[in-house]
């Protein structure tokens, strides 16, 4: 009798509907992330939020009261990291953030290639960082006995 119980307890349990529900919810979060980026870009385009008429010298050191390109890069880094934390693949999150940053630039009226570059650099940096961290965690998990 004890041997039968030992054999029965060693067998893996079949997945329950509750675990399937959790998996389905986890798979929805990246879609929410991509939808939020798309919706925000659409709202910016429709409502002309933050218009920029241009007419100034644009470059990496555009004269502003704040470090504009650094803000673009750090914001893209943060948004990409949120996407990865929600379950999006780092590469896909970075591409989506870069595309959204480009859409926001077009929605402003004046398209700054430097702002787009800063957005894409920040998003790419976050994707590389998150990919490296994931590989490092995988190696550490394999090394454990």
N, C-alpha and C. Protein backbone atom coordinates (compact mmCIF):
# COMPACT_ATOMS: atom_id res chain seq x y z
N UNK A 1 0.81 -1.18 0.00
CA UNK A 1 0.00 0.00 0.00
C UNK A 1 0.86 1.26 0.00
N UNK A 2 1.94 1.27 0.81
CA UNK A 2 2.80 2.44 0.86
C UNK A 2 3.52 2.64 -0.47
N UNK A 3 3.89 1.55 -1.12
CA UNK A 3 4.57 1.65 -2.40
C UNK A 3 3.63 2.25 -3.45
N UNK A 4 2.36 1.87 -3.40
CA UNK A 4 1.39 2.43 -4.35
C UNK A 4 1.21 3.92 -4.12
N UNK A 5 1.18 4.31 -2.87
CA UNK A 5 1.05 5.75 -2.57
C UNK A 5 2.29 6.51 -3.03
N UNK A 6 3.45 5.93 -2.79
CA UNK A 6 4.69 6.59 -3.20
C UNK A 6 4.72 6.76 -4.71
N UNK A 7 4.31 5.72 -5.42
CA UNK A 7 4.27 5.81 -6.88
C UNK A 7 3.25 6.82 -7.34
N UNK A 8 2.12 6.90 -6.68
CA UNK A 8 1.07 7.83 -7.07
C UNK A 8 1.48 9.26 -6.78
N UNK A 9 2.18 9.48 -5.68
CA UNK A 9 2.56 10.84 -5.35
C UNK A 9 3.71 11.33 -6.21
N UNK A 10 4.50 10.40 -6.78
CA UNK A 10 5.61 10.80 -7.62
C UNK A 10 5.15 11.24 -9.00
N UNK A 11 3.95 10.82 -9.41
CA UNK A 11 3.44 11.19 -10.72
C UNK A 11 3.05 12.68 -10.72
N UNK A 12 3.38 13.40 -11.79
CA UNK A 12 3.01 14.81 -11.83
C UNK A 12 1.50 14.97 -11.92
N UNK A 13 1.03 16.01 -11.28
CA UNK A 13 -0.40 16.29 -11.32
C UNK A 13 -0.76 16.92 -12.65
N UNK A 14 -1.94 16.61 -13.12
CA UNK A 14 -2.42 17.20 -14.36
C UNK A 14 -2.71 18.68 -14.13
N UNK A 15 -2.47 19.51 -15.13
CA UNK A 15 -2.75 20.93 -14.96
C UNK A 15 -4.24 21.16 -14.70
N UNK A 16 -4.49 22.05 -13.81
CA UNK A 16 -5.87 22.36 -13.47
C UNK A 16 -6.35 23.54 -14.29
N UNK A 17 -7.64 23.76 -14.28
CA UNK A 17 -8.19 24.90 -15.01
C UNK A 17 -7.73 26.21 -14.38
N UNK A 18 -7.46 26.19 -13.07
CA UNK A 18 -6.98 27.40 -12.41
C UNK A 18 -5.61 27.79 -12.93
N UNK A 19 -4.71 26.80 -13.12
CA UNK A 19 -3.38 27.13 -13.64
C UNK A 19 -3.46 27.58 -15.10
N UNK A 20 -4.40 27.02 -15.86
CA UNK A 20 -4.59 27.47 -17.24
C UNK A 20 -5.10 28.90 -17.28
N UNK A 21 -5.95 29.29 -16.33
CA UNK A 21 -6.45 30.65 -16.26
C UNK A 21 -5.36 31.64 -15.95
N UNK A 22 -4.45 31.26 -15.05
CA UNK A 22 -3.32 32.13 -14.72
C UNK A 22 -2.43 32.30 -15.95
N UNK A 23 -2.18 31.22 -16.68
CA UNK A 23 -1.35 31.28 -17.87
C UNK A 23 -2.00 32.18 -18.92
N UNK A 24 -3.31 32.06 -19.08
CA UNK A 24 -3.99 32.90 -20.06
C UNK A 24 -3.91 34.37 -19.68
N UNK A 25 -4.05 34.67 -18.39
CA UNK A 25 -3.94 36.06 -17.96
C UNK A 25 -2.53 36.58 -18.17
N UNK A 26 -1.53 35.75 -17.92
CA UNK A 26 -0.14 36.15 -18.13
C UNK A 26 0.14 36.43 -19.60
N UNK A 27 -0.49 35.68 -20.48
CA UNK A 27 -0.30 35.87 -21.91
C UNK A 27 -1.01 37.11 -22.42
N UNK A 28 -1.95 37.63 -21.67
CA UNK A 28 -2.69 38.83 -22.08
C UNK A 28 -1.91 40.11 -21.79
N UNK A 29 -1.05 40.11 -20.80
CA UNK A 29 -0.36 41.34 -20.41
C UNK A 29 0.49 41.95 -21.52
N UNK A 30 1.21 41.18 -22.30
CA UNK A 30 1.93 41.80 -23.42
C UNK A 30 0.98 42.47 -24.41
N UNK A 31 -0.18 41.88 -24.62
CA UNK A 31 -1.16 42.48 -25.52
C UNK A 31 -1.66 43.80 -24.94
N UNK A 32 -1.85 43.85 -23.63
CA UNK A 32 -2.24 45.10 -22.97
C UNK A 32 -1.14 46.15 -23.17
N UNK A 33 0.11 45.74 -23.03
CA UNK A 33 1.24 46.66 -23.22
C UNK A 33 1.24 47.23 -24.63
N UNK A 34 1.16 46.36 -25.64
CA UNK A 34 1.17 46.82 -27.03
C UNK A 34 -0.06 47.68 -27.32
N UNK A 35 -1.19 47.31 -26.75
CA UNK A 35 -2.41 48.10 -26.94
C UNK A 35 -2.30 49.48 -26.32
N UNK A 36 -1.68 49.56 -25.14
CA UNK A 36 -1.51 50.86 -24.48
C UNK A 36 -0.59 51.76 -25.31
N UNK A 37 0.48 51.21 -25.86
CA UNK A 37 1.36 52.01 -26.72
C UNK A 37 0.64 52.51 -27.95
N UNK A 38 -0.11 51.62 -28.59
CA UNK A 38 -0.85 51.98 -29.79
C UNK A 38 -1.92 53.02 -29.47
N UNK A 39 -2.65 52.80 -28.37
CA UNK A 39 -3.70 53.74 -27.98
C UNK A 39 -3.14 55.11 -27.64
N UNK A 40 -2.03 55.15 -26.92
CA UNK A 40 -1.42 56.43 -26.56
C UNK A 40 -0.95 57.19 -27.80
N UNK A 41 -0.35 56.47 -28.74
CA UNK A 41 0.09 57.12 -29.97
C UNK A 41 -1.11 57.62 -30.77
N UNK A 42 -2.18 56.84 -30.79
CA UNK A 42 -3.40 57.26 -31.49
C UNK A 42 -4.04 58.49 -30.88
N UNK A 43 -4.08 58.53 -29.55
CA UNK A 43 -4.64 59.69 -28.85
C UNK A 43 -3.78 60.93 -29.12
N UNK A 44 -2.46 60.77 -29.08
CA UNK A 44 -1.57 61.90 -29.36
C UNK A 44 -1.77 62.43 -30.77
N UNK A 45 -1.99 61.53 -31.70
CA UNK A 45 -2.22 61.94 -33.09
C UNK A 45 -3.57 62.62 -33.25
N UNK A 46 -4.60 62.07 -32.63
CA UNK A 46 -5.95 62.62 -32.78
C UNK A 46 -6.12 63.95 -32.04
N UNK A 47 -5.55 64.06 -30.85
CA UNK A 47 -5.75 65.26 -30.03
C UNK A 47 -4.62 66.28 -30.15
N UNK A 48 -3.59 65.96 -30.92
CA UNK A 48 -2.43 66.84 -31.09
C UNK A 48 -1.85 67.27 -29.75
N UNK A 49 -1.65 66.27 -28.90
CA UNK A 49 -1.04 66.50 -27.60
C UNK A 49 0.42 66.87 -27.80
N UNK A 50 0.91 67.83 -27.08
CA UNK A 50 2.32 68.23 -27.11
C UNK A 50 2.78 68.61 -28.52
N UNK A 51 2.13 69.60 -29.16
CA UNK A 51 2.56 69.99 -30.51
C UNK A 51 3.94 70.65 -30.49
N UNK A 52 4.68 70.46 -31.55
CA UNK A 52 6.02 71.03 -31.69
C UNK A 52 6.10 71.62 -33.08
N UNK A 53 6.20 72.94 -33.16
CA UNK A 53 6.21 73.62 -34.46
C UNK A 53 7.60 73.63 -35.09
N UNK A 54 8.61 73.25 -34.34
CA UNK A 54 9.97 73.24 -34.89
C UNK A 54 10.52 74.66 -34.96
N UNK A 55 11.33 74.93 -35.97
CA UNK A 55 11.89 76.27 -36.15
C UNK A 55 13.10 76.55 -35.29
N UNK A 56 13.68 75.58 -34.69
CA UNK A 56 14.86 75.76 -33.85
C UNK A 56 15.92 74.77 -34.31
N UNK A 57 17.14 75.02 -33.88
CA UNK A 57 18.24 74.10 -34.23
C UNK A 57 18.08 72.82 -33.40
N UNK A 58 17.83 71.73 -34.09
CA UNK A 58 17.65 70.45 -33.40
C UNK A 58 18.93 69.65 -33.51
N UNK A 59 19.30 69.03 -32.43
CA UNK A 59 20.50 68.20 -32.41
C UNK A 59 20.56 67.44 -31.10
N UNK A 60 21.69 66.81 -30.85
CA UNK A 60 21.84 66.06 -29.61
C UNK A 60 21.87 66.99 -28.40
N UNK A 61 22.24 68.24 -28.63
CA UNK A 61 22.33 69.20 -27.52
C UNK A 61 21.35 70.34 -27.73
N UNK A 62 20.11 70.03 -28.10
CA UNK A 62 19.09 71.05 -28.30
C UNK A 62 18.96 71.89 -27.03
N UNK A 63 18.93 73.20 -27.19
CA UNK A 63 18.86 74.11 -26.04
C UNK A 63 17.45 74.06 -25.42
N UNK A 64 17.34 73.39 -24.28
CA UNK A 64 16.08 73.31 -23.54
C UNK A 64 16.40 73.46 -22.06
N UNK A 65 15.33 73.55 -21.28
CA UNK A 65 15.51 73.68 -19.83
C UNK A 65 15.81 72.33 -19.17
N UNK A 66 15.78 71.27 -19.93
CA UNK A 66 16.02 69.93 -19.41
C UNK A 66 16.78 69.14 -20.48
N UNK A 67 17.43 68.08 -20.11
CA UNK A 67 18.18 67.27 -21.10
C UNK A 67 17.22 66.44 -21.95
N UNK A 68 16.72 67.03 -23.02
CA UNK A 68 15.65 66.45 -23.84
C UNK A 68 15.96 65.05 -24.35
N UNK A 69 17.11 64.85 -24.92
CA UNK A 69 17.43 63.54 -25.51
C UNK A 69 17.62 62.49 -24.41
N UNK A 70 18.18 62.89 -23.28
CA UNK A 70 18.31 61.96 -22.16
C UNK A 70 16.94 61.56 -21.64
N UNK A 71 16.02 62.50 -21.59
CA UNK A 71 14.66 62.19 -21.15
C UNK A 71 14.01 61.19 -22.11
N UNK A 72 14.18 61.41 -23.40
CA UNK A 72 13.64 60.47 -24.39
C UNK A 72 14.22 59.07 -24.19
N UNK A 73 15.54 59.00 -24.06
CA UNK A 73 16.20 57.70 -23.90
C UNK A 73 15.80 56.99 -22.62
N UNK A 74 15.76 57.71 -21.51
CA UNK A 74 15.39 57.09 -20.23
C UNK A 74 13.92 56.69 -20.19
N UNK A 75 13.07 57.51 -20.80
CA UNK A 75 11.65 57.14 -20.86
C UNK A 75 11.45 55.88 -21.69
N UNK A 76 12.14 55.80 -22.81
CA UNK A 76 12.04 54.60 -23.65
C UNK A 76 12.57 53.38 -22.91
N UNK A 77 13.66 53.55 -22.16
CA UNK A 77 14.22 52.45 -21.35
C UNK A 77 13.17 51.98 -20.35
N UNK A 78 12.56 52.92 -19.65
CA UNK A 78 11.58 52.57 -18.62
C UNK A 78 10.35 51.88 -19.23
N UNK A 79 9.85 52.41 -20.33
CA UNK A 79 8.65 51.83 -20.94
C UNK A 79 8.96 50.43 -21.48
N UNK A 80 10.12 50.26 -22.08
CA UNK A 80 10.51 48.93 -22.57
C UNK A 80 10.62 47.95 -21.41
N UNK A 81 11.19 48.37 -20.30
CA UNK A 81 11.32 47.51 -19.13
C UNK A 81 9.96 47.11 -18.59
N UNK A 82 9.01 48.03 -18.58
CA UNK A 82 7.65 47.70 -18.15
C UNK A 82 7.07 46.63 -19.08
N UNK A 83 7.27 46.77 -20.37
CA UNK A 83 6.78 45.78 -21.32
C UNK A 83 7.36 44.40 -21.07
N UNK A 84 8.67 44.35 -20.80
CA UNK A 84 9.31 43.07 -20.52
C UNK A 84 8.78 42.49 -19.21
N UNK A 85 8.61 43.35 -18.21
CA UNK A 85 8.06 42.88 -16.93
C UNK A 85 6.64 42.35 -17.09
N UNK A 86 5.91 42.86 -18.08
CA UNK A 86 4.55 42.38 -18.33
C UNK A 86 4.54 41.11 -19.19
N UNK A 87 5.71 40.67 -19.63
CA UNK A 87 5.80 39.41 -20.36
C UNK A 87 6.13 39.52 -21.83
N UNK A 88 6.32 40.73 -22.34
CA UNK A 88 6.70 40.88 -23.74
C UNK A 88 8.17 40.48 -23.89
N UNK A 89 8.50 39.95 -25.04
CA UNK A 89 9.90 39.63 -25.31
C UNK A 89 10.67 40.93 -25.44
N UNK A 90 11.89 40.98 -24.93
CA UNK A 90 12.66 42.23 -24.96
C UNK A 90 12.77 42.86 -26.34
N UNK A 91 13.06 42.05 -27.34
CA UNK A 91 13.21 42.58 -28.70
C UNK A 91 11.90 43.18 -29.20
N UNK A 92 10.79 42.49 -28.93
CA UNK A 92 9.48 42.97 -29.39
C UNK A 92 9.07 44.24 -28.64
N UNK A 93 9.34 44.28 -27.35
CA UNK A 93 9.02 45.47 -26.57
C UNK A 93 9.82 46.66 -27.08
N UNK A 94 11.10 46.46 -27.37
CA UNK A 94 11.94 47.55 -27.87
C UNK A 94 11.45 48.05 -29.23
N UNK A 95 11.10 47.14 -30.11
CA UNK A 95 10.57 47.55 -31.42
C UNK A 95 9.28 48.34 -31.27
N UNK A 96 8.41 47.89 -30.36
CA UNK A 96 7.14 48.58 -30.15
C UNK A 96 7.36 49.98 -29.58
N UNK A 97 8.28 50.11 -28.64
CA UNK A 97 8.56 51.41 -28.04
C UNK A 97 9.21 52.34 -29.06
N UNK A 98 10.10 51.82 -29.87
CA UNK A 98 10.72 52.63 -30.92
C UNK A 98 9.66 53.10 -31.92
N UNK A 99 8.76 52.22 -32.30
CA UNK A 99 7.68 52.59 -33.22
C UNK A 99 6.75 53.62 -32.58
N UNK A 100 6.43 53.45 -31.31
CA UNK A 100 5.56 54.40 -30.63
C UNK A 100 6.24 55.77 -30.51
N UNK A 101 7.53 55.78 -30.22
CA UNK A 101 8.27 57.04 -30.15
C UNK A 101 8.26 57.75 -31.50
N UNK A 102 8.42 56.99 -32.56
CA UNK A 102 8.36 57.56 -33.91
C UNK A 102 6.98 58.13 -34.19
N UNK A 103 5.94 57.38 -33.81
CA UNK A 103 4.56 57.85 -34.01
C UNK A 103 4.30 59.14 -33.22
N UNK A 104 4.80 59.22 -32.00
CA UNK A 104 4.64 60.44 -31.20
C UNK A 104 5.33 61.63 -31.88
N UNK A 105 6.49 61.41 -32.46
CA UNK A 105 7.18 62.50 -33.15
C UNK A 105 6.35 63.01 -34.32
N UNK A 106 5.78 62.09 -35.08
CA UNK A 106 4.94 62.50 -36.21
C UNK A 106 3.68 63.20 -35.72
N UNK A 107 3.16 62.78 -34.58
CA UNK A 107 1.95 63.39 -34.02
C UNK A 107 2.21 64.82 -33.56
N UNK A 108 3.46 65.13 -33.19
CA UNK A 108 3.79 66.48 -32.73
C UNK A 108 3.81 67.50 -33.86
N UNK A 109 4.06 67.06 -35.05
CA UNK A 109 4.14 67.98 -36.17
C UNK A 109 5.56 68.11 -36.68
N UNK A 110 6.49 68.44 -35.80
CA UNK A 110 7.89 68.50 -36.17
C UNK A 110 8.54 67.18 -35.79
N UNK A 111 9.12 66.52 -36.76
CA UNK A 111 9.73 65.21 -36.52
C UNK A 111 11.22 65.39 -36.28
N UNK A 112 11.64 65.10 -35.06
CA UNK A 112 13.06 65.20 -34.71
C UNK A 112 13.72 63.84 -34.85
N UNK A 113 14.62 63.69 -35.80
CA UNK A 113 15.31 62.40 -35.92
C UNK A 113 16.16 62.09 -34.69
N UNK A 114 16.60 63.13 -33.99
CA UNK A 114 17.39 62.92 -32.78
C UNK A 114 16.52 62.37 -31.65
N UNK A 115 15.29 62.85 -31.55
CA UNK A 115 14.38 62.30 -30.54
C UNK A 115 14.06 60.84 -30.84
N UNK A 116 13.83 60.54 -32.12
CA UNK A 116 13.55 59.15 -32.51
C UNK A 116 14.76 58.27 -32.19
N UNK A 117 15.95 58.75 -32.53
CA UNK A 117 17.17 57.98 -32.25
C UNK A 117 17.33 57.76 -30.75
N UNK A 118 17.08 58.80 -29.94
CA UNK A 118 17.20 58.65 -28.49
C UNK A 118 16.18 57.64 -27.96
N UNK A 119 14.97 57.67 -28.50
CA UNK A 119 13.95 56.69 -28.10
C UNK A 119 14.42 55.27 -28.43
N UNK A 120 14.90 55.09 -29.64
CA UNK A 120 15.31 53.75 -30.07
C UNK A 120 16.56 53.27 -29.34
N UNK A 121 17.47 54.18 -29.04
CA UNK A 121 18.67 53.80 -28.28
C UNK A 121 18.27 53.36 -26.87
N UNK A 122 17.39 54.12 -26.23
CA UNK A 122 16.92 53.74 -24.88
C UNK A 122 16.20 52.41 -24.87
N UNK A 123 15.32 52.21 -25.86
CA UNK A 123 14.57 50.95 -25.94
C UNK A 123 15.51 49.77 -26.21
N UNK A 124 16.47 49.96 -27.10
CA UNK A 124 17.42 48.89 -27.41
C UNK A 124 18.30 48.57 -26.20
N UNK A 125 18.72 49.59 -25.50
CA UNK A 125 19.52 49.38 -24.29
C UNK A 125 18.77 48.56 -23.25
N UNK A 126 17.50 48.90 -23.06
CA UNK A 126 16.69 48.15 -22.09
C UNK A 126 16.50 46.71 -22.54
N UNK A 127 16.28 46.50 -23.84
CA UNK A 127 16.10 45.14 -24.34
C UNK A 127 17.37 44.31 -24.15
N UNK A 128 18.51 44.91 -24.44
CA UNK A 128 19.77 44.19 -24.24
C UNK A 128 20.00 43.87 -22.77
N UNK A 129 19.72 44.83 -21.91
CA UNK A 129 19.87 44.63 -20.46
C UNK A 129 18.95 43.52 -19.97
N UNK A 130 17.69 43.56 -20.37
CA UNK A 130 16.74 42.55 -19.91
C UNK A 130 17.09 41.17 -20.46
N UNK A 131 17.57 41.10 -21.69
CA UNK A 131 17.99 39.81 -22.27
C UNK A 131 19.18 39.25 -21.51
N UNK A 132 20.15 40.11 -21.22
CA UNK A 132 21.33 39.67 -20.46
C UNK A 132 20.93 39.17 -19.08
N UNK A 133 20.05 39.89 -18.40
CA UNK A 133 19.60 39.47 -17.07
C UNK A 133 18.88 38.12 -17.13
N UNK A 134 18.06 37.90 -18.14
CA UNK A 134 17.34 36.64 -18.27
C UNK A 134 18.32 35.48 -18.50
N UNK A 135 19.31 35.69 -19.36
CA UNK A 135 20.31 34.64 -19.60
C UNK A 135 21.09 34.35 -18.33
N UNK A 136 21.43 35.38 -17.60
CA UNK A 136 22.18 35.21 -16.35
C UNK A 136 21.37 34.41 -15.33
N UNK A 137 20.07 34.73 -15.22
CA UNK A 137 19.21 33.97 -14.30
C UNK A 137 19.08 32.52 -14.72
N UNK A 138 18.97 32.27 -16.02
CA UNK A 138 18.88 30.89 -16.52
C UNK A 138 20.14 30.10 -16.19
N UNK A 139 21.31 30.71 -16.39
CA UNK A 139 22.57 30.04 -16.07
C UNK A 139 22.68 29.74 -14.59
N UNK A 140 22.25 30.69 -13.76
CA UNK A 140 22.31 30.49 -12.31
C UNK A 140 21.36 29.38 -11.89
N UNK A 141 20.19 29.31 -12.52
CA UNK A 141 19.23 28.26 -12.17
C UNK A 141 19.75 26.88 -12.59
N UNK A 142 20.44 26.79 -13.72
CA UNK A 142 21.00 25.52 -14.17
C UNK A 142 22.16 25.08 -13.28
N UNK A 143 22.89 26.03 -12.74
CA UNK A 143 24.06 25.71 -11.91
C UNK A 143 23.67 25.21 -10.53
N UNK A 144 22.47 25.52 -10.10
CA UNK A 144 22.02 25.04 -8.78
C UNK A 144 21.80 23.54 -8.81
N UNK A 145 22.15 22.87 -7.71
CA UNK A 145 21.97 21.41 -7.70
C UNK A 145 20.53 20.99 -7.59
